[in-house]
Protein backbone atom coordinates (compact mmCIF):
# COMPACT_ATOMS: atom_id res chain seq x y z
CA MET A 1 -52.06 -18.35 -33.39
CA GLY A 2 -55.77 -17.08 -33.57
CA SER A 3 -57.81 -16.25 -30.27
CA ARG A 4 -61.12 -16.99 -32.34
CA GLY A 5 -60.51 -20.99 -32.91
CA ALA A 6 -63.11 -23.21 -31.47
CA ASN A 7 -60.89 -25.25 -29.65
CA VAL A 8 -58.66 -22.53 -28.10
CA LEU A 9 -58.40 -22.83 -24.32
CA LEU A 10 -60.26 -19.90 -22.45
CA THR A 11 -58.65 -17.76 -20.11
CA ARG A 12 -59.84 -17.62 -16.63
CA ALA A 13 -60.88 -14.07 -17.48
CA ASN A 14 -62.77 -15.05 -20.60
CA ARG A 15 -64.55 -18.00 -18.63
CA MET A 16 -65.51 -15.58 -15.93
CA ARG A 17 -66.74 -13.11 -18.50
CA GLN A 18 -69.04 -15.75 -20.16
CA LYS A 19 -70.28 -16.82 -16.92
CA LEU A 20 -70.97 -13.39 -15.43
CA GLN A 21 -72.45 -12.05 -18.68
CA SER A 22 -74.84 -14.75 -19.39
CA SER A 23 -76.28 -14.94 -15.99
CA LEU A 24 -76.28 -11.20 -14.92
CA GLU A 25 -77.08 -9.71 -18.21
CA ALA A 26 -74.71 -7.04 -17.37
CA SER A 27 -74.73 -3.83 -19.27
CA VAL A 28 -71.09 -3.00 -17.96
CA LEU A 29 -68.66 -5.91 -17.30
CA GLU A 30 -65.10 -4.82 -16.65
CA ILE A 31 -62.64 -7.48 -15.54
CA GLU A 32 -59.09 -6.53 -14.70
CA ASP A 33 -56.39 -8.78 -13.88
CA VAL A 34 -54.43 -7.60 -10.83
CA SER A 35 -52.59 -10.86 -10.28
CA TYR A 36 -49.07 -9.18 -10.79
CA GLN A 37 -49.73 -7.14 -7.66
CA HIS A 38 -49.93 -10.26 -5.51
CA ALA A 39 -47.02 -12.50 -7.07
CA GLY A 40 -45.00 -13.83 -4.14
CA HIS A 41 -47.79 -13.65 -1.45
CA ALA A 42 -47.79 -16.93 0.54
CA ALA A 43 -51.34 -17.54 -0.24
CA VAL A 44 -50.52 -17.52 -4.07
CA LYS A 45 -49.29 -21.10 -4.68
CA GLY A 46 -48.06 -22.29 -7.98
CA ASP A 47 -48.82 -20.04 -10.91
CA PRO A 48 -49.44 -16.61 -9.76
CA ASN A 49 -51.31 -15.75 -13.00
CA GLU A 50 -55.19 -15.09 -12.99
CA THR A 51 -55.45 -15.52 -9.39
CA HIS A 52 -56.65 -11.85 -8.35
CA PHE A 53 -59.13 -9.81 -10.20
CA ASN A 54 -61.25 -6.46 -9.77
CA LEU A 55 -64.72 -6.61 -11.30
CA LYS A 56 -67.09 -4.12 -12.13
CA ILE A 57 -70.54 -5.37 -13.03
CA VAL A 58 -73.63 -3.37 -13.82
CA SER A 59 -76.57 -5.64 -13.82
CA PRO A 60 -80.39 -5.21 -13.65
CA LYS A 61 -80.28 -8.48 -11.68
CA PHE A 62 -78.92 -6.62 -8.67
CA GLU A 63 -82.27 -4.58 -8.28
CA GLY A 64 -83.65 -4.95 -4.94
CA GLN A 65 -80.46 -6.89 -3.59
CA SER A 66 -78.45 -6.06 -0.88
CA LEU A 67 -74.69 -5.43 -1.35
CA VAL A 68 -74.02 -8.82 0.38
CA LYS A 69 -76.54 -10.49 -1.81
CA ARG A 70 -75.12 -9.18 -5.00
CA HIS A 71 -71.51 -10.22 -4.01
CA ARG A 72 -73.05 -13.86 -3.00
CA MET A 73 -74.49 -13.81 -6.47
CA VAL A 74 -71.06 -13.37 -8.23
CA TYR A 75 -69.17 -15.54 -5.80
CA GLU A 76 -71.64 -18.43 -6.73
CA LEU A 77 -71.30 -17.93 -10.56
CA LEU A 78 -67.43 -17.82 -10.11
CA ASP A 79 -67.45 -21.11 -7.74
CA ASP A 80 -65.78 -23.28 -10.34
CA GLU A 81 -63.06 -20.77 -10.83
CA LEU A 82 -62.59 -20.10 -6.92
CA ASN A 83 -62.04 -24.18 -6.52
CA SER A 84 -59.40 -24.10 -9.37
CA GLY A 85 -57.00 -21.26 -8.58
CA LEU A 86 -58.79 -17.97 -8.50
CA HIS A 87 -57.67 -16.55 -5.03
CA ALA A 88 -59.63 -13.16 -4.66
CA VAL A 89 -61.92 -10.62 -6.48
CA SER A 90 -62.75 -7.20 -5.61
CA ILE A 91 -66.28 -6.55 -6.82
CA VAL A 92 -68.03 -3.31 -7.61
CA ALA A 93 -71.69 -4.46 -8.15
CA LYS A 94 -74.34 -1.66 -9.22
CA THR A 95 -77.67 -1.54 -10.85
CA PRO A 96 -78.02 0.59 -14.15
CA LYS A 97 -79.84 3.32 -11.99
CA GLU A 98 -76.85 3.46 -9.41
CA SER A 99 -74.33 3.42 -12.13
CA GLY A 100 -76.14 6.42 -14.16
CA SER A 101 -76.25 4.32 -17.04
CA THR A 102 -80.06 3.74 -17.60
CA LYS A 103 -80.92 2.91 -20.80
CA PRO A 104 -84.53 3.29 -22.50
């Protein structure tokens, strides 16, 4: 069972990575599935997998944007996922300068 096949269904984390990376041109993109911490919660109906994620994103697209606007940008990109089972995301959204990872 290879994970490189063209017709392999993408996991939610992989779909999120593709959307966020392509739109935000992130230099850092960490996606941590923490769904196991929320299994059994009343709000988690059905399959408890891939429902809760911690995101850390460093993107030049966040320059000049307020924290609220940065979060809104991420939520808009993940709208399809939020409407199909993604329950919650915790977001750390920084510019390269804020993260100290400025590249020449």
